[in-house]
PDB file of N, CA and C in Angstrom:
ATOM      1  N   MET A   1     -33.384  33.580 -57.488  1.00  0.00           N
ATOM      2  CA  MET A   1     -32.656  34.685 -56.490  1.00  0.00           C
ATOM      3  C   MET A   1     -32.359  33.373 -55.061  1.00  0.00           C
ATOM      4  N   THR A   2     -30.967  33.104 -54.702  1.00  0.00           N
ATOM      5  CA  THR A   2     -30.976  32.776 -53.024  1.00  0.00           C
ATOM      6  C   THR A   2     -30.590  34.100 -52.557  1.00  0.00           C
ATOM      7  N   HIS A   3     -31.194  34.405 -51.297  1.00  0.00           N
ATOM      8  CA  HIS A   3     -31.013  35.226 -50.093  1.00  0.00           C
ATOM      9  C   HIS A   3     -29.390  34.359 -49.370  1.00  0.00           C
ATOM     10  N   ALA A   4     -29.072  35.458 -49.291  1.00  0.00           N
ATOM     11  CA  ALA A   4     -27.860  35.497 -47.599  1.00  0.00           C
ATOM     12  C   ALA A   4     -27.837  34.340 -47.168  1.00  0.00           C
ATOM     13  N   VAL A   5     -29.312  34.900 -46.164  1.00  0.00           N
ATOM     14  CA  VAL A   5     -29.669  33.951 -45.093  1.00  0.00           C
ATOM     15  C   VAL A   5     -29.961  31.987 -45.394  1.00  0.00           C
ATOM     16  N   ASP A   6     -30.689  31.977 -46.449  1.00  0.00           N
ATOM     17  CA  ASP A   6     -30.928  30.445 -47.089  1.00  0.00           C
ATOM     18  C   ASP A   6     -29.866  30.009 -47.351  1.00  0.00           C
ATOM     19  N   VAL A   7     -28.723  30.851 -48.143  1.00  0.00           N
ATOM     20  CA  VAL A   7     -27.309  30.187 -47.895  1.00  0.00           C
ATOM     21  C   VAL A   7     -26.113  29.970 -46.800  1.00  0.00           C
ATOM     22  N   HIS A   8     -26.094  30.542 -45.767  1.00  0.00           N
ATOM     23  CA  HIS A   8     -25.837  30.348 -44.403  1.00  0.00           C
ATOM     24  C   HIS A   8     -26.127  29.403 -44.110  1.00  0.00           C
ATOM     25  N   VAL A   9     -27.318  29.215 -43.771  1.00  0.00           N
ATOM     26  CA  VAL A   9     -28.421  28.161 -43.371  1.00  0.00           C
ATOM     27  C   VAL A   9     -27.520  26.487 -43.904  1.00  0.00           C
ATOM     28  N   GLY A  10     -28.203  27.030 -45.386  1.00  0.00           N
ATOM     29  CA  GLY A  10     -27.563  25.591 -45.414  1.00  0.00           C
ATOM     30  C   GLY A  10     -26.531  25.088 -45.785  1.00  0.00           C
ATOM     31  N   GLN A  11     -24.968  26.455 -45.478  1.00  0.00           N
ATOM     32  CA  GLN A  11     -24.172  25.840 -45.249  1.00  0.00           C
ATOM     33  C   GLN A  11     -23.529  25.112 -43.929  1.00  0.00           C
ATOM     34  N   ARG A  12     -24.007  25.685 -42.749  1.00  0.00           N
ATOM     35  CA  ARG A  12     -24.663  25.341 -41.229  1.00  0.00           C
ATOM     36  C   ARG A  12     -24.468  24.454 -41.939  1.00  0.00           C
ATOM     37  N   ILE A  13     -26.069  23.817 -42.118  1.00  0.00           N
ATOM     38  CA  ILE A  13     -26.745  22.258 -42.604  1.00  0.00           C
ATOM     39  C   ILE A  13     -25.938  21.252 -42.771  1.00  0.00           C
ATOM     40  N   ARG A  14     -24.841  21.800 -43.851  1.00  0.00           N
ATOM     41  CA  ARG A  14     -23.743  20.552 -44.475  1.00  0.00           C
ATOM     42  C   ARG A  14     -22.588  20.824 -43.900  1.00  0.00           C
ATOM     43  N   HIS A  15     -22.137  21.529 -43.139  1.00  0.00           N
ATOM     44  CA  HIS A  15     -21.169  21.645 -42.594  1.00  0.00           C
ATOM     45  C   HIS A  15     -21.207  20.689 -40.566  1.00  0.00           C
ATOM     46  N   ARG A  16     -22.335  20.690 -40.788  1.00  0.00           N
ATOM     47  CA  ARG A  16     -22.652  19.994 -39.447  1.00  0.00           C
ATOM     48  C   ARG A  16     -22.704  18.352 -39.721  1.00  0.00           C
ATOM     49  N   ARG A  17     -23.461  18.463 -40.638  1.00  0.00           N
ATOM     50  CA  ARG A  17     -23.881  17.053 -41.499  1.00  0.00           C
ATOM     51  C   ARG A  17     -22.538  16.648 -41.193  1.00  0.00           C
ATOM     52  N   TRP A  18     -21.647  17.125 -42.419  1.00  0.00           N
ATOM     53  CA  TRP A  18     -20.289  16.428 -42.383  1.00  0.00           C
ATOM     54  C   TRP A  18     -19.690  16.615 -41.662  1.00  0.00           C
ATOM     55  N   LEU A  19     -19.242  17.189 -40.088  1.00  0.00           N
ATOM     56  CA  LEU A  19     -18.836  16.924 -38.816  1.00  0.00           C
ATOM     57  C   LEU A  19     -19.333  16.121 -38.213  1.00  0.00           C
ATOM     58  N   ILE A  20     -20.743  15.780 -38.621  1.00  0.00           N
ATOM     59  CA  ILE A  20     -21.140  14.212 -37.759  1.00  0.00           C
ATOM     60  C   ILE A  20     -20.896  13.043 -38.638  1.00  0.00           C
ATOM     61  N   GLY A  21     -19.850  13.121 -39.439  1.00  0.00           N
ATOM     62  CA  GLY A  21     -19.856  11.841 -40.553  1.00  0.00           C
ATOM     63  C   GLY A  21     -21.377  11.334 -41.210  1.00  0.00           C
ATOM     64  N   MET A  22     -22.212  12.459 -41.299  1.00  0.00           N
ATOM     65  CA  MET A  22     -24.095  12.148 -41.509  1.00  0.00           C
ATOM     66  C   MET A  22     -23.573  12.009 -43.670  1.00  0.00           C
ATOM     67  N   THR A  23     -23.950  11.982 -43.951  1.00  0.00           N
ATOM     68  CA  THR A  23     -24.721  11.401 -45.435  1.00  0.00           C
ATOM     69  C   THR A  23     -25.965  12.701 -45.458  1.00  0.00           C
ATOM     70  N   GLN A  24     -25.396  13.136 -46.746  1.00  0.00           N
ATOM     71  CA  GLN A  24     -27.350  13.516 -47.534  1.00  0.00           C
ATOM     72  C   GLN A  24     -27.986  12.573 -47.096  1.00  0.00           C
ATOM     73  N   GLN A  25     -27.897  11.512 -47.570  1.00  0.00           N
ATOM     74  CA  GLN A  25     -28.841  10.711 -47.613  1.00  0.00           C
ATOM     75  C   GLN A  25     -29.209  10.495 -46.218  1.00  0.00           C
ATOM     76  N   GLN A  26     -29.015  10.053 -45.721  1.00  0.00           N
ATOM     77  CA  GLN A  26     -29.171   9.781 -43.536  1.00  0.00           C
ATOM     78  C   GLN A  26     -29.768  10.625 -43.262  1.00  0.00           C
ATOM     79  N   LEU A  27     -29.752  11.872 -43.666  1.00  0.00           N
ATOM     80  CA  LEU A  27     -29.601  13.491 -43.248  1.00  0.00           C
ATOM     81  C   LEU A  27     -31.179  13.027 -43.657  1.00  0.00           C
ATOM     82  N   ALA A  28     -31.151  12.916 -44.423  1.00  0.00           N
ATOM     83  CA  ALA A  28     -32.428  13.326 -45.430  1.00  0.00           C
ATOM     84  C   ALA A  28     -33.640  11.908 -44.945  1.00  0.00           C
ATOM     85  N   GLU A  29     -32.831  10.843 -44.856  1.00  0.00           N
ATOM     86  CA  GLU A  29     -34.427   9.651 -44.019  1.00  0.00           C
ATOM     87  C   GLU A  29     -34.752  10.371 -42.542  1.00  0.00           C
ATOM     88  N   SER A  30     -33.622  10.711 -42.409  1.00  0.00           N
ATOM     89  CA  SER A  30     -34.193  10.884 -40.985  1.00  0.00           C
ATOM     90  C   SER A  30     -34.887  11.789 -40.603  1.00  0.00           C
ATOM     91  N   VAL A  31     -35.029  12.652 -41.628  1.00  0.00           N
ATOM     92  CA  VAL A  31     -36.035  13.718 -41.781  1.00  0.00           C
ATOM     93  C   VAL A  31     -37.205  13.181 -42.334  1.00  0.00           C
ATOM     94  N   GLY A  32     -37.758  12.324 -43.424  1.00  0.00           N
ATOM     95  CA  GLY A  32     -38.408  11.916 -44.188  1.00  0.00           C
ATOM     96  C   GLY A  32     -38.169  12.704 -45.463  1.00  0.00           C
ATOM     97  N   ILE A  33     -37.109  13.131 -46.144  1.00  0.00           N
ATOM     98  CA  ILE A  33     -37.176  13.613 -47.382  1.00  0.00           C
ATOM     99  C   ILE A  33     -36.090  12.548 -48.163  1.00  0.00           C
ATOM    100  N   LYS A  34     -35.888  13.381 -49.544  1.00  0.00           N
ATOM    101  CA  LYS A  34     -35.474  12.622 -50.323  1.00  0.00           C
ATOM    102  C   LYS A  34     -33.803  13.560 -50.606  1.00  0.00           C
ATOM    103  N   PHE A  35     -32.616  12.718 -50.965  1.00  0.00           N
ATOM    104  CA  PHE A  35     -31.681  13.365 -50.423  1.00  0.00           C
ATOM    105  C   PHE A  35     -31.611  14.933 -50.939  1.00  0.00           C
ATOM    106  N   GLN A  36     -32.371  14.907 -52.172  1.00  0.00           N
ATOM    107  CA  GLN A  36     -32.011  15.694 -53.467  1.00  0.00           C
ATOM    108  C   GLN A  36     -32.270  17.382 -52.800  1.00  0.00           C
ATOM    109  N   GLN A  37     -33.584  17.084 -52.104  1.00  0.00           N
ATOM    110  CA  GLN A  37     -34.011  18.433 -51.010  1.00  0.00           C
ATOM    111  C   GLN A  37     -33.315  18.590 -50.115  1.00  0.00           C
ATOM    112  N   ILE A  38     -32.132  17.754 -49.530  1.00  0.00           N
ATOM    113  CA  ILE A  38     -31.028  17.990 -48.938  1.00  0.00           C
ATOM    114  C   ILE A  38     -30.159  19.017 -49.472  1.00  0.00           C
ATOM    115  N   GLN A  39     -29.988  18.169 -50.488  1.00  0.00           N
ATOM    116  CA  GLN A  39     -28.846  19.121 -51.778  1.00  0.00           C
ATOM    117  C   GLN A  39     -29.199  20.412 -51.618  1.00  0.00           C
ATOM    118  N   LYS A  40     -30.648  20.869 -51.978  1.00  0.00           N
ATOM    119  CA  LYS A  40     -31.453  22.008 -52.623  1.00  0.00           C
ATOM    120  C   LYS A  40     -31.013  23.412 -51.707  1.00  0.00           C
ATOM    121  N   TYR A  41     -31.448  22.336 -50.152  1.00  0.00           N
ATOM    122  CA  TYR A  41     -30.920  23.373 -49.041  1.00  0.00           C
ATOM    123  C   TYR A  41     -29.498  23.426 -48.745  1.00  0.00           C
ATOM    124  N   GLU A  42     -28.558  22.911 -48.497  1.00  0.00           N
ATOM    125  CA  GLU A  42     -27.406  23.350 -48.645  1.00  0.00           C
ATOM    126  C   GLU A  42     -26.784  24.654 -49.206  1.00  0.00           C
ATOM    127  N   THR A  43     -27.390  23.651 -50.428  1.00  0.00           N
ATOM    128  CA  THR A  43     -26.802  25.156 -51.594  1.00  0.00           C
ATOM    129  C   THR A  43     -27.422  26.579 -51.382  1.00  0.00           C
ATOM    130  N   GLY A  44     -28.257  26.433 -50.965  1.00  0.00           N
ATOM    131  CA  GLY A  44     -30.014  27.566 -50.955  1.00  0.00           C
ATOM    132  C   GLY A  44     -30.110  28.189 -51.288  1.00  0.00           C
ATOM    133  N   MET A  45     -30.320  26.543 -52.546  1.00  0.00           N
ATOM    134  CA  MET A  45     -31.126  26.825 -53.427  1.00  0.00           C
ATOM    135  C   MET A  45     -32.849  26.636 -52.804  1.00  0.00           C
ATOM    136  N   ASN A  46     -33.210  26.227 -52.295  1.00  0.00           N
ATOM    137  CA  ASN A  46     -34.075  26.185 -51.598  1.00  0.00           C
ATOM    138  C   ASN A  46     -34.392  26.805 -49.917  1.00  0.00           C
ATOM    139  N   ARG A  47     -35.519  27.356 -49.733  1.00  0.00           N
ATOM    140  CA  ARG A  47     -35.100  27.777 -48.158  1.00  0.00           C
ATOM    141  C   ARG A  47     -35.931  26.410 -47.501  1.00  0.00           C
ATOM    142  N   VAL A  48     -34.888  26.668 -46.311  1.00  0.00           N
ATOM    143  CA  VAL A  48     -36.383  25.622 -45.103  1.00  0.00           C
ATOM    144  C   VAL A  48     -36.775  26.389 -44.612  1.00  0.00           C
ATOM    145  N   SER A  49     -38.446  25.583 -44.454  1.00  0.00           N
ATOM    146  CA  SER A  49     -39.131  26.516 -43.374  1.00  0.00           C
ATOM    147  C   SER A  49     -38.957  26.042 -41.970  1.00  0.00           C
ATOM    148  N   ALA A  50     -38.985  26.661 -41.287  1.00  0.00           N
ATOM    149  CA  ALA A  50     -39.236  26.711 -39.719  1.00  0.00           C
ATOM    150  C   ALA A  50     -39.668  24.872 -38.980  1.00  0.00           C
ATOM    151  N   SER A  51     -40.989  24.154 -39.412  1.00  0.00           N
ATOM    152  CA  SER A  51     -41.199  23.388 -39.321  1.00  0.00           C
ATOM    153  C   SER A  51     -39.510  22.226 -39.585  1.00  0.00           C
ATOM    154  N   ARG A  52     -39.441  22.749 -41.015  1.00  0.00           N
ATOM    155  CA  ARG A  52     -37.920  21.251 -41.276  1.00  0.00           C
ATOM    156  C   ARG A  52     -37.181  21.960 -40.405  1.00  0.00           C
ATOM    157  N   LEU A  53     -36.429  22.762 -39.935  1.00  0.00           N
ATOM    158  CA  LEU A  53     -35.228  23.781 -39.751  1.00  0.00           C
ATOM    159  C   LEU A  53     -35.029  23.046 -38.308  1.00  0.00           C
ATOM    160  N   TRP A  54     -36.223  23.140 -37.311  1.00  0.00           N
ATOM    161  CA  TRP A  54     -36.567  21.830 -36.536  1.00  0.00           C
ATOM    162  C   TRP A  54     -36.127  20.295 -36.321  1.00  0.00           C
ATOM    163  N   ASP A  55     -37.000  20.437 -37.536  1.00  0.00           N
ATOM    164  CA  ASP A  55     -36.353  18.556 -37.990  1.00  0.00           C
ATOM    165  C   ASP A  55     -34.699  17.730 -38.264  1.00  0.00           C
ATOM    166  N   ILE A  56     -34.473  18.784 -38.553  1.00  0.00           N
ATOM    167  CA  ILE A  56     -33.099  18.490 -39.186  1.00  0.00           C
ATOM    168  C   ILE A  56     -31.830  18.753 -37.508  1.00  0.00           C
ATOM    169  N   SER A  57     -32.787  20.348 -37.076  1.00  0.00           N
ATOM    170  CA  SER A  57     -31.644  20.258 -36.016  1.00  0.00           C
ATOM    171  C   SER A  57     -31.749  19.251 -35.007  1.00  0.00           C
ATOM    172  N   ARG A  58     -33.047  18.504 -35.082  1.00  0.00           N
ATOM    173  CA  ARG A  58     -32.622  17.396 -34.396  1.00  0.00           C
ATOM    174  C   ARG A  58     -32.347  15.934 -33.925  1.00  0.00           C
ATOM    175  N   ALA A  59     -32.170  16.015 -36.037  1.00  0.00           N
ATOM    176  CA  ALA A  59     -31.625  14.734 -36.562  1.00  0.00           C
ATOM    177  C   ALA A  59     -30.235  15.137 -36.400  1.00  0.00           C
ATOM    178  N   LEU A  60     -29.479  16.490 -36.534  1.00  0.00           N
ATOM    179  CA  LEU A  60     -27.947  16.463 -36.282  1.00  0.00           C
ATOM    180  C   LEU A  60     -27.272  17.110 -34.704  1.00  0.00           C
ATOM    181  N   ASP A  61     -28.923  17.323 -33.727  1.00  0.00           N
ATOM    182  CA  ASP A  61     -27.898  17.001 -32.461  1.00  0.00           C
ATOM    183  C   ASP A  61     -27.715  18.298 -32.279  1.00  0.00           C
ATOM    184  N   VAL A  62     -28.006  19.524 -32.608  1.00  0.00           N
ATOM    185  CA  VAL A  62     -28.122  20.468 -32.366  1.00  0.00           C
ATOM    186  C   VAL A  62     -29.213  21.790 -32.573  1.00  0.00           C
ATOM    187  N   SER A  63     -28.918  23.050 -31.949  1.00  0.00           N
ATOM    188  CA  SER A  63     -30.222  23.652 -31.326  1.00  0.00           C
ATOM    189  C   SER A  63     -30.484  24.300 -32.171  1.00  0.00           C
ATOM    190  N   PRO A  64     -32.473  25.001 -33.009  1.00  0.00           N
ATOM    191  CA  PRO A  64     -32.026  25.740 -34.330  1.00  0.00           C
ATOM    192  C   PRO A  64     -31.452  27.020 -34.192  1.00  0.00           C
ATOM    193  N   VAL A  65     -30.736  26.984 -33.136  1.00  0.00           N
ATOM    194  CA  VAL A  65     -30.084  28.881 -32.835  1.00  0.00           C
ATOM    195  C   VAL A  65     -28.589  28.008 -33.861  1.00  0.00           C
ATOM    196  N   PHE A  66     -28.417  27.236 -34.097  1.00  0.00           N
ATOM    197  CA  PHE A  66     -26.951  27.301 -34.611  1.00  0.00           C
ATOM    198  C   PHE A  66     -26.976  27.469 -35.994  1.00  0.00           C
ATOM    199  N   PHE A  67     -28.150  27.514 -36.909  1.00  0.00           N
ATOM    200  CA  PHE A  67     -27.496  27.899 -37.810  1.00  0.00           C
ATOM    201  C   PHE A  67     -28.449  29.073 -38.350  1.00  0.00           C
ATOM    202  N   PHE A  68     -27.818  29.867 -37.217  1.00  0.00           N
ATOM    203  CA  PHE A  68     -28.203  31.358 -37.956  1.00  0.00           C
ATOM    204  C   PHE A  68     -27.056  31.945 -36.907  1.00  0.00           C
ATOM    205  N   GLU A  69     -26.403  31.186 -36.626  1.00  0.00           N
ATOM    206  CA  GLU A  69     -24.732  32.475 -35.711  1.00  0.00           C
ATOM    207  C   GLU A  69     -24.058  32.378 -37.232  1.00  0.00           C
ATOM    208  N   GLY A  70     -23.597  33.535 -36.609  1.00  0.00           N
ATOM    209  CA  GLY A  70     -22.109  33.965 -37.169  1.00  0.00           C
ATOM    210  C   GLY A  70     -23.178  35.312 -38.128  1.00  0.00           C
ATOM    211  N   LEU A  71     -24.190  34.967 -38.188  1.00  0.00           N
ATOM    212  CA  LEU A  71     -24.935  36.294 -39.087  1.00  0.00           C
ATOM    213  C   LEU A  71     -24.849  37.686 -37.990  1.00  0.00           C
ATOM    214  N   ASP A  72     -25.441  38.885 -38.544  1.00  0.00           N
ATOM    215  CA  ASP A  72     -25.655  39.668 -37.637  1.00  0.00           C
ATOM    216  C   ASP A  72     -27.230  39.926 -37.932  1.00  0.00           C
ATOM    217  N   GLU A  73     -27.457  41.150 -37.212  1.00  0.00           N
ATOM    218  CA  GLU A  73     -28.860  41.382 -37.203  1.00  0.00           C
ATOM    219  C   GLU A  73     -29.472  41.557 -38.605  1.00  0.00           C
ATOM    220  N   SER A  74     -28.185  42.653 -39.499  1.00  0.00           N
ATOM    221  CA  SER A  74     -28.674  42.566 -40.860  1.00  0.00           C
ATOM    222  C   SER A  74     -28.977  41.115 -41.862  1.00  0.00           C
ATOM    223  N   GLY A  75     -28.790  40.446 -41.472  1.00  0.00           N
ATOM    224  CA  GLY A  75     -28.340  39.119 -41.867  1.00  0.00           C
ATOM    225  C   GLY A  75     -27.495  38.637 -42.659  1.00  0.00           C
ATOM    226  N   GLU A  76     -26.331  39.847 -43.142  1.00  0.00           N
ATOM    227  CA  GLU A  76     -24.734  39.424 -43.549  1.00  0.00           C
ATOM    228  C   GLU A  76     -23.745  38.648 -41.989  1.00  0.00           C
ATOM    229  N   ARG A  77     -23.085  37.998 -42.448  1.00  0.00           N
ATOM    230  CA  ARG A  77     -21.795  37.463 -41.961  1.00  0.00           C
ATOM    231  C   ARG A  77     -21.182  38.321 -40.962  1.00  0.00           C
ATOM    232  N   ASP A  78     -21.349  38.373 -39.682  1.00  0.00           N
ATOM    233  CA  ASP A  78     -20.726  39.170 -38.689  1.00  0.00           C
ATOM    234  C   ASP A  78     -19.073  38.949 -38.688  1.00  0.00           C
ATOM    235  N   SER A  79     -18.380  37.916 -38.906  1.00  0.00           N
ATOM    236  CA  SER A  79     -17.178  37.741 -38.808  1.00  0.00           C
ATOM    237  C   SER A  79     -16.064  36.914 -39.864  1.00  0.00           C
ATOM    238  N   GLU A  80     -15.211  37.635 -40.008  1.00  0.00           N
ATOM    239  CA  GLU A  80     -14.181  37.003 -41.340  1.00  0.00           C
ATOM    240  C   GLU A  80     -13.880  35.514 -40.596  1.00  0.00           C
ATOM    241  N   SER A  81     -14.383  35.027 -39.761  1.00  0.00           N
ATOM    242  CA  SER A  81     -13.446  33.896 -39.215  1.00  0.00           C
ATOM    243  C   SER A  81     -14.759  32.905 -39.229  1.00  0.00           C
ATOM    244  N   GLU A  82     -15.573  33.036 -39.544  1.00  0.00           N
ATOM    245  CA  GLU A  82     -16.944  32.490 -39.985  1.00  0.00           C
ATOM    246  C   GLU A  82     -16.385  31.621 -41.318  1.00  0.00           C
ATOM    247  N   LYS A  83     -15.694  32.605 -42.805  1.00  0.00           N
ATOM    248  CA  LYS A  83     -15.268  31.858 -43.825  1.00  0.00           C
ATOM    249  C   LYS A  83     -14.338  30.833 -43.552  1.00  0.00           C
ATOM    250  N   LEU A  84     -13.432  30.718 -42.106  1.00  0.00           N
ATOM    251  CA  LEU A  84     -12.884  29.530 -41.960  1.00  0.00           C
ATOM    252  C   LEU A  84     -13.055  28.540 -41.930  1.00  0.00           C
ATOM    253  N   LEU A  85     -15.133  28.458 -41.543  1.00  0.00           N
ATOM    254  CA  LEU A  85     -15.804  27.292 -42.195  1.00  0.00           C
ATOM    255  C   LEU A  85     -16.192  26.783 -42.965  1.00  0.00           C
ATOM    256  N   GLU A  86     -15.861  27.214 -43.920  1.00  0.00           N
ATOM    257  CA  GLU A  86     -16.403  27.101 -45.516  1.00  0.00           C
ATOM    258  C   GLU A  86     -15.326  26.448 -46.798  1.00  0.00           C
ATOM    259  N   LYS A  87     -14.081  26.402 -45.930  1.00  0.00           N
ATOM    260  CA  LYS A  87     -12.739  25.942 -46.289  1.00  0.00           C
ATOM    261  C   LYS A  87     -12.809  24.113 -45.968  1.00  0.00           C
ATOM    262  N   LYS A  88     -12.559  23.586 -46.637  1.00  0.00           N
ATOM    263  CA  LYS A  88     -12.672  21.534 -46.459  1.00  0.00           C
ATOM    264  C   LYS A  88     -11.798  21.210 -45.055  1.00  0.00           C
ATOM    265  N   GLU A  89     -10.778  22.138 -45.607  1.00  0.00           N
ATOM    266  CA  GLU A  89      -9.090  21.780 -44.896  1.00  0.00           C
ATOM    267  C   GLU A  89      -9.716  22.049 -43.682  1.00  0.00           C
ATOM    268  N   THR A  90     -10.535  23.196 -42.700  1.00  0.00           N
ATOM    269  CA  THR A  90     -10.871  23.422 -41.780  1.00  0.00           C
ATOM    270  C   THR A  90     -11.955  22.342 -41.361  1.00  0.00           C
ATOM    271  N   LEU A  91     -13.319  21.739 -42.573  1.00  0.00           N
ATOM    272  CA  LEU A  91     -14.000  20.696 -41.471  1.00  0.00           C
ATOM    273  C   LEU A  91     -12.842  19.435 -41.438  1.00  0.00           C
ATOM    274  N   ASP A  92     -12.599  19.205 -41.590  1.00  0.00           N
ATOM    275  CA  ASP A  92     -11.824  18.100 -41.593  1.00  0.00           C
ATOM    276  C   ASP A  92     -10.757  17.657 -40.652  1.00  0.00           C
ATOM    277  N   LEU A  93      -9.715  18.959 -40.321  1.00  0.00           N
ATOM    278  CA  LEU A  93      -9.921  18.878 -39.156  1.00  0.00           C
ATOM    279  C   LEU A  93      -9.948  19.381 -38.231  1.00  0.00           C
ATOM    280  N   LEU A  94     -11.186  19.204 -38.160  1.00  0.00           N
ATOM    281  CA  LEU A  94     -12.430  19.691 -37.135  1.00  0.00           C
ATOM    282  C   LEU A  94     -12.556  18.169 -36.810  1.00  0.00           C
ATOM    283  N   ARG A  95     -12.459  17.699 -37.554  1.00  0.00           N
ATOM    284  CA  ARG A  95     -13.806  16.239 -37.745  1.00  0.00           C
ATOM    285  C   ARG A  95     -12.669  15.372 -37.322  1.00  0.00           C
ATOM    286  N   THR A  96     -11.529  15.115 -37.779  1.00  0.00           N
ATOM    287  CA  THR A  96     -10.283  14.545 -37.038  1.00  0.00           C
ATOM    288  C   THR A  96      -9.765  15.017 -35.697  1.00  0.00           C
ATOM    289  N   TYR A  97      -9.926  16.365 -35.464  1.00  0.00           N
ATOM    290  CA  TYR A  97      -9.427  16.795 -34.020  1.00  0.00           C
ATOM    291  C   TYR A  97     -10.409  16.001 -32.865  1.00  0.00           C
ATOM    292  N   TYR A  98     -12.191  15.692 -33.338  1.00  0.00           N
ATOM    293  CA  TYR A  98     -12.841  15.382 -32.727  1.00  0.00           C
ATOM    294  C   TYR A  98     -12.996  14.061 -32.314  1.00  0.00           C
ATOM    295  N   ALA A  99     -11.939  12.773 -33.323  1.00  0.00           N
ATOM    296  CA  ALA A  99     -12.371  11.435 -33.466  1.00  0.00           C
ATOM    297  C   ALA A  99     -11.000  11.068 -32.737  1.00  0.00           C
ATOM    298  N   ILE A 100      -9.981  12.490 -31.570  1.00  0.00           N
ATOM    299  CA  ILE A 100      -9.029  11.636 -30.712  1.00  0.00           C
ATOM    300  C   ILE A 100      -9.631  11.646 -28.892  1.00  0.00           C
ATOM    301  N   PRO A 101      -9.615  10.752 -28.978  1.00  0.00           N
ATOM    302  CA  PRO A 101     -10.003  10.674 -27.305  1.00  0.00           C
ATOM    303  C   PRO A 101      -9.664  11.362 -26.383  1.00  0.00           C
ATOM    304  N   LYS A 102     -10.379  12.241 -25.976  1.00  0.00           N
ATOM    305  CA  LYS A 102     -11.110  13.085 -25.753  1.00  0.00           C
ATOM    306  C   LYS A 102      -9.671  13.734 -24.535  1.00  0.00           C
ATOM    307  N   ASP A 103      -8.914  12.837 -23.529  1.00  0.00           N
ATOM    308  CA  ASP A 103      -7.658  13.334 -22.572  1.00  0.00           C
ATOM    309  C   ASP A 103      -6.712  13.562 -23.447  1.00  0.00           C
ATOM    310  N   GLN A 104      -6.222  12.913 -24.714  1.00  0.00           N
ATOM    311  CA  GLN A 104      -5.522  12.807 -25.875  1.00  0.00           C
ATOM    312  C   GLN A 104      -5.392  14.318 -26.649  1.00  0.00           C
ATOM    313  N   ARG A 105      -6.548  14.492 -26.754  1.00  0.00           N
ATOM    314  CA  ARG A 105      -7.353  15.960 -27.719  1.00  0.00           C
ATOM    315  C   ARG A 105      -7.132  16.985 -27.168  1.00  0.00           C
ATOM    316  N   ARG A 106      -7.386  17.162 -25.229  1.00  0.00           N
ATOM    317  CA  ARG A 106      -7.125  17.959 -24.435  1.00  0.00           C
ATOM    318  C   ARG A 106      -5.395  18.445 -24.519  1.00  0.00           C
ATOM    319  N   ARG A 107      -4.080  17.657 -24.987  1.00  0.00           N
ATOM    320  CA  ARG A 107      -3.234  17.724 -24.207  1.00  0.00           C
ATOM    321  C   ARG A 107      -3.028  18.339 -25.790  1.00  0.00           C
ATOM    322  N   LEU A 108      -4.044  18.223 -27.210  1.00  0.00           N
ATOM    323  CA  LEU A 108      -3.317  18.524 -28.145  1.00  0.00           C
ATOM    324  C   LEU A 108      -3.488  19.737 -28.017  1.00  0.00           C
ATOM    325  N   TYR A 109      -5.001  20.259 -27.866  1.00  0.00           N
ATOM    326  CA  TYR A 109      -5.212  21.531 -27.766  1.00  0.00           C
ATOM    327  C   TYR A 109      -4.384  22.245 -27.304  1.00  0.00           C
ATOM    328  N   GLU A 110      -4.028  21.487 -25.667  1.00  0.00           N
ATOM    329  CA  GLU A 110      -3.043  22.489 -24.628  1.00  0.00           C
ATOM    330  C   GLU A 110      -1.439  22.977 -25.501  1.00  0.00           C
ATOM    331  N   LEU A 111      -0.843  21.772 -26.293  1.00  0.00           N
ATOM    332  CA  LEU A 111       0.321  22.326 -27.437  1.00  0.00           C
ATOM    333  C   LEU A 111      -0.226  23.720 -28.184  1.00  0.00           C
ATOM    334  N   ALA A 112      -1.569  22.906 -29.168  1.00  0.00           N
ATOM    335  CA  ALA A 112      -1.625  24.232 -30.477  1.00  0.00           C
ATOM    336  C   ALA A 112      -1.619  25.462 -29.786  1.00  0.00           C
ATOM    337  N   ARG A 113      -1.913  25.723 -28.115  1.00  0.00           N
ATOM    338  CA  ARG A 113      -1.974  27.069 -27.929  1.00  0.00           C
ATOM    339  C   ARG A 113      -0.929  27.578 -27.497  1.00  0.00           C
ATOM    340  N   ALA A 114      -0.162  26.995 -26.923  1.00  0.00           N
ATOM    341  CA  ALA A 114       1.060  27.289 -26.447  1.00  0.00           C
ATOM    342  C   ALA A 114       2.382  27.532 -27.860  1.00  0.00           C
ATOM    343  N   LEU A 115       1.999  26.439 -28.816  1.00  0.00           N
ATOM    344  CA  LEU A 115       2.324  27.374 -30.305  1.00  0.00           C
ATOM    345  C   LEU A 115       1.874  28.610 -30.742  1.00  0.00           C
ATOM    346  N   GLY A 116       0.623  28.552 -30.654  1.00  0.00           N
ATOM    347  CA  GLY A 116       0.709  29.854 -31.189  1.00  0.00           C
ATOM    348  C   GLY A 116       0.108  30.731 -30.205  1.00  0.00           C
ATOM    349  N   GLN A 117       0.708  30.972 -29.327  1.00  0.00           N
ATOM    350  CA  GLN A 117       1.154  31.971 -28.469  1.00  0.00           C
ATOM    351  C   GLN A 117       2.848  32.133 -28.539  1.00  0.00           C
ATOM    352  N   ASN A 118       3.475  31.587 -29.369  1.00  0.00           N
ATOM    353  CA  ASN A 118       4.828  31.894 -29.384  1.00  0.00           C
ATOM    354  C   ASN A 118       4.778  32.570 -31.042  1.00  0.00           C
ATOM    355  N   SER A 119       4.112  32.428 -31.364  1.00  0.00           N
ATOM    356  CA  SER A 119       4.394  32.825 -32.783  1.00  0.00           C
ATOM    357  C   SER A 119       4.733  34.401 -33.357  1.00  0.00           C
TER     358      SER A 119
END
């Protein structure tokens, strides 16, 4: 039986990997394991050890704390907005947004904020 925290950590691994355009194979090679193990981590089927999470955080260029963001003290999601990150559309939008050059991205951000305030 999977634990909610393991599922959350796995989702955060998958989201970050996908956001930076890394394949499961590339991540697996960078931490010295088989890609099937990455698949098991990402689904929460297998629990990620502390040392492996450390290696994965280095490969994905985030702090190990990143994988636990969005959980409350009981191990439950503490925000409805976290569920937005589960949607492929949200991840695709984020990935596309960060592919835009920084100066243009800032202008797009300001436009989106202005449009959101007028709703």
